[in-house]
Amino acid sequence: MSIRKYTKSAISVDQQIEQLKAQGLLIPDDAGHILSTVSLHRLSAYFHPYQENDTKIFNFGASLQHVWELYAFDRELRLLILDAIERIEIALRTALTNVMAVKYSPWWYLSDEVFKTNWSSRSTRYEKNPKESLLTEIQQICKNRKHNEEINQYFDKYDEPLYPPSWIIIEFLSFGQCTSLFRYIRSPQDKAAISAIFNFHHKIFESILEPLRYTRNLCAHHARLWDRWFVYKPRFIEELSAANCKPGTLKEQLMLLYLLNNSISSKSTWLLRLRALFEKHRDLPINLQWMGFQKDSQNDPFWKL
């Protein structure tokens, strides 16, 4: 087998501009500043609506400013999604502590009786035993306690138990670790009590967590969202079906976020802010059908929630 070697060299911002001009893209005066603050590689993910089919040649009249506006829309969308996920994440952390610490003890996360003993599932191909993974993470958090004021205060005052109570520790765990904690809780009744705040059956809520974690990670790494196909999908949910949400689309993700946020706060203005964002950028060449919305987006059931 022949070895395939990457041979492209890095090029300067000025060379990047000349390359884009050669491909037919109009270049505004601030192009140098744009490409000095957001890489050409990152912006290239937003080129395709302005390019001729299957080529790198830009449509007549396409400008780097147009690409930047599409990038700005995606960035604002990402921030709005993160705003929704923040509420959900904090609610999950709170529910885990409120339910489990009261029923078992403030150190329920160390109890063998709380968690399943059989870890077999499709996720364990990629994930260690959650209990072991949790202990490793907690040990690291406590080892670096000087950087965490609450952890440091606990150890300044107490020698036992060995670790702080769950309402302190859980605030320092990753979101992925929190979703693992929920998935591997043994008792369906405990899961149901935690899920109640989100108004979902615990099996449905559990199926939502992986899509939610995936979307959160995309946002945290500033990845493109607007035309992405989402590989993690929840179980059948009646509300998604009623809103004509195609599995794997951005619309499905937005619907999940709306349902979860609305369960946390019925007075949430998140959906109104989302619609305002789409209205603000309605002139962009956004493929609404690829996003999961119907062609006549104004009459899409999603906006009538």
Protein backbone atom coordinates (compact mmCIF):
# COMPACT_ATOMS: atom_id res chain seq x y z
CA MET A 1 0.00 0.00 0.00
CA SER A 2 1.38 3.39 -1.00
CA ILE A 3 1.81 6.00 1.73
CA ARG A 4 -0.39 9.06 1.28
CA LYS A 5 1.35 12.16 2.58
CA TYR A 6 -0.14 15.57 3.30
CA THR A 7 1.95 18.09 1.39
CA LYS A 8 0.08 21.39 1.67
CA SER A 9 2.03 24.25 3.21
CA ALA A 10 0.71 26.97 5.48
CA ILE A 11 -0.02 30.27 3.74
CA SER A 12 -0.18 33.80 5.11
CA VAL A 13 -3.37 35.81 5.52
CA ASP A 14 -2.48 37.85 2.42
CA GLN A 15 -2.03 34.64 0.45
CA GLN A 16 -5.35 33.34 1.77
CA ILE A 17 -7.04 36.50 0.49
CA GLU A 18 -5.48 36.11 -2.95
CA GLN A 19 -6.59 32.48 -3.05
CA LEU A 20 -10.18 33.45 -2.23
CA LYS A 21 -10.13 36.17 -4.88
CA ALA A 22 -8.94 33.61 -7.45
CA GLN A 23 -11.95 31.46 -6.53
CA GLY A 24 -14.31 34.37 -7.25
CA LEU A 25 -15.03 35.62 -3.73
CA LEU A 26 -15.41 39.37 -3.26
CA ILE A 27 -13.10 40.62 -0.51
CA PRO A 28 -14.10 43.50 1.81
CA ASP A 29 -11.59 45.95 3.25
CA ASP A 30 -11.58 44.24 6.67
CA ALA A 31 -10.81 40.79 5.25
CA GLY A 32 -7.35 40.79 6.80
CA HIS A 33 -8.80 41.40 10.24
CA ILE A 34 -11.48 38.73 9.75
CA LEU A 35 -8.96 36.08 8.74
CA SER A 36 -6.62 37.10 11.54
CA THR A 37 -9.29 36.45 14.18
CA VAL A 38 -11.21 33.51 12.67
CA SER A 39 -9.21 30.97 10.68
CA LEU A 40 -9.84 30.30 7.02
CA HIS A 41 -10.27 26.63 7.89
CA ARG A 42 -13.11 27.46 10.31
CA LEU A 43 -14.80 29.87 7.91
CA SER A 44 -14.56 27.38 5.04
CA ALA A 45 -17.33 25.36 6.72
CA TYR A 46 -19.67 28.23 5.77
CA PHE A 47 -18.60 28.51 2.11
CA HIS A 48 -20.81 25.92 0.48
CA PRO A 49 -24.09 27.95 0.28
CA TYR A 50 -22.12 30.51 -1.77
CA GLN A 51 -20.28 28.07 -4.03
CA GLU A 52 -21.21 26.39 -7.28
CA ASN A 53 -22.16 22.74 -6.89
CA ASP A 54 -19.23 20.47 -5.98
CA THR A 55 -16.63 23.13 -6.79
CA LYS A 56 -14.55 25.69 -4.91
CA ILE A 57 -15.74 28.44 -7.26
CA PHE A 58 -17.95 31.03 -5.60
CA ASN A 59 -21.25 32.20 -7.03
CA PHE A 60 -21.24 35.58 -8.78
CA GLY A 61 -21.48 38.39 -6.22
CA ALA A 62 -20.59 36.23 -3.23
CA SER A 63 -18.52 38.09 -0.67
CA LEU A 64 -16.49 37.20 2.39
CA GLN A 65 -18.90 39.50 4.22
CA HIS A 66 -21.76 37.12 3.32
CA VAL A 67 -19.78 34.19 4.70
CA TRP A 68 -19.08 36.16 7.86
CA GLU A 69 -22.80 36.89 8.36
CA LEU A 70 -23.61 33.18 8.10
CA TYR A 71 -20.81 32.44 10.57
CA ALA A 72 -22.25 35.11 12.92
CA PHE A 73 -25.71 33.52 12.72
CA ASP A 74 -24.27 30.13 13.64
CA ARG A 75 -22.32 31.66 16.51
CA GLU A 76 -25.43 33.38 17.91
CA LEU A 77 -27.36 30.12 17.50
CA ARG A 78 -24.65 28.26 19.39
CA LEU A 79 -24.74 30.75 22.26
CA LEU A 80 -28.52 30.52 22.46
CA ILE A 81 -28.34 26.72 22.58
CA LEU A 82 -25.66 26.90 25.29
CA ASP A 83 -27.96 29.20 27.27
CA ALA A 84 -30.68 26.53 27.17
CA ILE A 85 -28.29 23.70 27.99
CA GLU A 86 -26.89 25.62 30.97
CA ARG A 87 -30.34 25.69 32.60
CA ILE A 88 -30.87 21.99 31.90
CA GLU A 89 -27.42 21.04 33.16
CA ILE A 90 -27.84 22.95 36.43
CA ALA A 91 -31.31 21.46 36.92
CA LEU A 92 -29.91 17.94 36.42
CA ARG A 93 -27.11 18.52 38.93
CA THR A 94 -29.64 19.92 41.41
CA ALA A 95 -32.11 17.04 40.94
CA LEU A 96 -29.37 14.43 41.36
CA THR A 97 -28.35 15.94 44.70
CA ASN A 98 -31.86 16.71 45.98
CA VAL A 99 -33.17 13.22 45.32
CA MET A 100 -30.17 11.03 46.07
CA ALA A 101 -28.64 12.86 49.04
CA VAL A 102 -31.93 12.99 50.93
CA LYS A 103 -32.81 9.33 50.26
CA TYR A 104 -29.36 7.84 50.88
CA SER A 105 -26.75 10.24 52.29
CA PRO A 106 -24.68 13.26 51.24
CA TRP A 107 -22.10 10.71 50.07
CA TRP A 108 -24.52 8.64 47.99
CA TYR A 109 -22.16 8.82 45.02
CA LEU A 110 -19.77 6.46 46.86
CA SER A 111 -22.43 3.89 47.76
CA ASP A 112 -22.39 0.51 45.98
CA GLU A 113 -26.12 0.03 46.57
CA VAL A 114 -26.96 3.09 44.46
CA PHE A 115 -25.42 1.93 41.19
CA LYS A 116 -25.89 -1.01 38.86
CA THR A 117 -23.41 -3.84 39.21
CA ASN A 118 -23.75 -4.89 35.56
CA TRP A 119 -22.17 -2.19 33.40
CA SER A 120 -22.88 -3.86 30.07
CA SER A 121 -24.36 -1.43 27.54
CA ARG A 122 -23.45 0.01 24.20
CA SER A 123 -21.80 3.00 25.92
CA THR A 124 -19.26 0.93 27.86
CA ARG A 125 -17.35 0.27 24.68
CA TYR A 126 -16.12 3.84 25.08
CA GLU A 127 -16.61 4.40 28.80
CA LYS A 128 -14.94 2.99 31.90
CA ASN A 129 -16.93 1.67 34.81
CA PRO A 130 -18.70 4.91 35.88
CA LYS A 131 -17.98 4.36 39.57
CA GLU A 132 -14.26 3.98 38.92
CA SER A 133 -14.26 6.91 36.52
CA LEU A 134 -16.11 9.03 39.08
CA LEU A 135 -13.64 8.24 41.87
CA THR A 136 -10.71 9.06 39.62
CA GLU A 137 -12.22 12.42 38.76
CA ILE A 138 -13.11 13.21 42.38
CA GLN A 139 -9.60 12.37 43.53
CA GLN A 140 -8.21 14.73 40.91
CA ILE A 141 -10.61 17.49 41.96
CA CYS A 142 -9.61 17.10 45.61
CA LYS A 143 -5.92 16.91 44.74
CA ASN A 144 -6.18 20.29 43.02
CA ARG A 145 -8.29 21.76 45.82
CA LYS A 146 -6.31 24.97 46.08
CA HIS A 147 -7.93 25.98 42.78
CA ASN A 148 -11.46 25.25 44.07
CA GLU A 149 -12.52 27.45 46.97
CA GLU A 150 -15.43 25.27 48.15
CA ILE A 151 -13.32 22.10 48.10
CA ASN A 152 -10.50 23.88 49.91
CA GLN A 153 -12.85 25.17 52.62
CA TYR A 154 -14.16 21.65 53.22
CA PHE A 155 -10.70 20.20 53.83
CA ASP A 156 -9.69 23.17 55.97
CA LYS A 157 -12.60 22.40 58.32
CA TYR A 158 -12.99 18.61 58.16
CA ASP A 159 -10.86 15.49 58.05
CA GLU A 160 -13.73 13.06 57.54
CA PRO A 161 -15.43 11.89 55.41
CA LEU A 162 -12.64 11.59 52.89
CA TYR A 163 -14.53 13.55 50.23
CA PRO A 164 -16.97 16.50 50.34
CA PRO A 165 -20.76 15.95 50.20
CA SER A 166 -22.44 15.52 46.83
CA TRP A 167 -23.84 19.07 46.60
CA ILE A 168 -20.25 20.33 46.56
CA ILE A 169 -18.63 17.61 44.47
CA ILE A 170 -21.30 17.51 41.77
CA GLU A 171 -20.65 21.15 40.85
CA PHE A 172 -17.11 20.21 39.82
CA LEU A 173 -17.99 17.13 37.76
CA SER A 174 -18.21 17.31 33.99
CA PHE A 175 -21.64 17.22 32.41
CA GLY A 176 -20.73 13.87 30.86
CA GLN A 177 -19.95 12.50 34.33
CA CYS A 178 -23.31 13.72 35.61
CA THR A 179 -25.17 12.02 32.77
CA SER A 180 -23.23 8.82 33.51
CA LEU A 181 -24.27 9.02 37.16
CA PHE A 182 -27.90 9.18 36.11
CA ARG A 183 -27.65 6.35 33.57
CA TYR A 184 -26.08 3.94 36.06
CA ILE A 185 -28.37 4.58 39.01
CA ARG A 186 -29.85 1.21 39.93
CA SER A 187 -33.37 2.16 41.03
CA PRO A 188 -35.99 3.13 38.40
CA GLN A 189 -37.83 4.96 41.18
CA ASP A 190 -34.79 7.15 41.84
CA LYS A 191 -34.47 7.87 38.12
CA ALA A 192 -38.17 8.70 37.93
CA ALA A 193 -37.85 11.16 40.83
CA ILE A 194 -34.90 12.89 39.16
CA SER A 195 -36.64 12.98 35.76
CA ALA A 196 -39.87 14.38 37.21
CA ILE A 197 -38.63 17.96 37.08
CA PHE A 198 -38.25 17.60 33.30
CA ASN A 199 -41.74 16.09 32.86
CA PHE A 200 -40.43 12.98 31.11
CA HIS A 201 -40.55 9.28 31.85
CA HIS A 202 -37.10 8.31 33.10
CA LYS A 203 -36.42 6.05 30.09
CA ILE A 204 -37.25 8.88 27.70
CA PHE A 205 -35.17 11.34 29.70
CA GLU A 206 -32.23 8.94 29.73
CA SER A 207 -32.42 8.68 25.92
CA ILE A 208 -32.26 12.49 25.70
CA LEU A 209 -29.06 12.80 27.72
CA GLU A 210 -26.65 11.53 25.07
CA PRO A 211 -28.00 13.83 22.30
CA LEU A 212 -27.85 16.67 24.83
CA ARG A 213 -24.26 15.87 25.82
CA TYR A 214 -23.25 15.63 22.16
CA THR A 215 -24.81 18.99 21.29
CA ARG A 216 -23.26 20.61 24.35
CA ASN A 217 -19.81 19.37 23.29
CA LEU A 218 -20.31 20.73 19.78
CA CYS A 219 -21.16 24.12 21.25
CA ALA A 220 -18.29 24.02 23.74
CA HIS A 221 -15.84 23.39 20.88
CA HIS A 222 -17.42 26.12 18.72
CA ALA A 223 -18.41 23.63 16.03
CA ARG A 224 -20.80 24.42 13.17
CA LEU A 225 -24.45 23.76 14.03
CA TRP A 226 -26.85 25.25 11.51
CA ASP A 227 -26.69 22.50 8.86
CA ARG A 228 -25.27 19.65 10.90
CA TRP A 229 -26.67 16.13 11.02
CA PHE A 230 -26.85 15.07 14.68
CA VAL A 231 -25.79 11.46 15.10
CA TYR A 232 -27.33 10.92 18.56
CA LYS A 233 -31.12 10.75 18.65
CA PRO A 234 -33.62 10.26 21.49
CA ARG A 235 -36.28 7.57 21.71
CA PHE A 236 -39.70 8.29 20.22
CA ILE A 237 -41.24 11.33 21.88
CA GLU A 238 -44.82 12.31 21.04
CA GLU A 239 -44.07 16.03 21.08
CA LEU A 240 -41.29 15.61 18.51
CA SER A 241 -43.61 13.67 16.23
CA ALA A 242 -46.39 16.25 16.61
CA ALA A 243 -43.99 19.02 15.57
CA ASN A 244 -42.83 16.99 12.52
CA CYS A 245 -39.25 16.76 13.77
CA LYS A 246 -37.10 14.63 11.51
CA PRO A 247 -34.59 12.57 13.55
CA GLY A 248 -31.03 13.88 13.40
CA THR A 249 -31.91 17.44 12.42
CA LEU A 250 -31.23 20.72 14.18
CA LYS A 251 -35.00 21.20 14.58
CA GLU A 252 -35.18 18.03 16.66
CA GLN A 253 -32.40 19.32 18.91
CA LEU A 254 -34.10 22.70 19.29
CA MET A 255 -37.39 21.01 20.13
CA LEU A 256 -35.74 18.93 22.85
CA LEU A 257 -34.17 22.05 24.34
CA TYR A 258 -37.50 23.87 24.25
CA LEU A 259 -39.35 21.02 26.01
CA LEU A 260 -36.71 20.68 28.72
CA ASN A 261 -36.42 24.43 29.27
CA ASN A 262 -40.17 24.88 29.39
CA SER A 263 -40.39 22.19 32.08
CA ILE A 264 -37.84 24.09 34.16
CA SER A 265 -39.42 27.50 33.59
CA SER A 266 -42.79 27.94 31.89
CA LYS A 267 -42.04 31.67 31.64
CA SER A 268 -38.88 31.12 29.61
CA THR A 269 -38.45 33.47 26.64
CA TRP A 270 -35.98 31.13 24.94
CA LEU A 271 -38.25 30.22 22.03
CA LEU A 272 -39.03 33.89 21.38
CA ARG A 273 -35.32 34.71 21.31
CA LEU A 274 -34.70 31.81 18.96
CA ARG A 275 -37.36 33.01 16.56
CA ALA A 276 -35.96 36.55 16.73
CA LEU A 277 -32.56 35.16 15.73
CA PHE A 278 -34.03 33.44 12.66
CA GLU A 279 -35.93 36.61 11.73
CA LYS A 280 -32.80 38.72 12.11
CA HIS A 281 -30.94 36.51 9.62
CA ARG A 282 -33.85 35.59 7.33
CA ASP A 283 -32.00 36.87 4.24
CA LEU A 284 -29.16 34.37 4.63
CA PRO A 285 -29.06 31.39 2.22
CA ILE A 286 -30.02 28.97 4.98
CA ASN A 287 -31.41 25.62 3.88
CA LEU A 288 -34.34 25.40 6.28
CA GLN A 289 -35.35 21.95 5.04
CA TRP A 290 -31.86 20.61 5.77
CA MET A 291 -32.29 21.99 9.28
CA GLY A 292 -35.54 20.04 9.54
CA PHE A 293 -38.00 22.91 9.09
CA GLN A 294 -40.64 22.90 6.38
CA LYS A 295 -40.01 25.10 3.35
CA ASP A 296 -42.66 27.59 4.48
CA SER A 297 -40.86 28.05 7.78
CA GLN A 298 -43.25 30.72 9.10
CA ASN A 299 -45.99 28.09 9.32
CA ASP A 300 -43.80 25.33 10.75
CA PRO A 301 -45.48 23.73 13.79
CA PHE A 302 -42.33 24.42 15.82
CA TRP A 303 -43.05 28.16 15.91
CA LYS A 304 -46.61 27.57 17.16
CA LEU A 305 -45.58 25.96 20.44
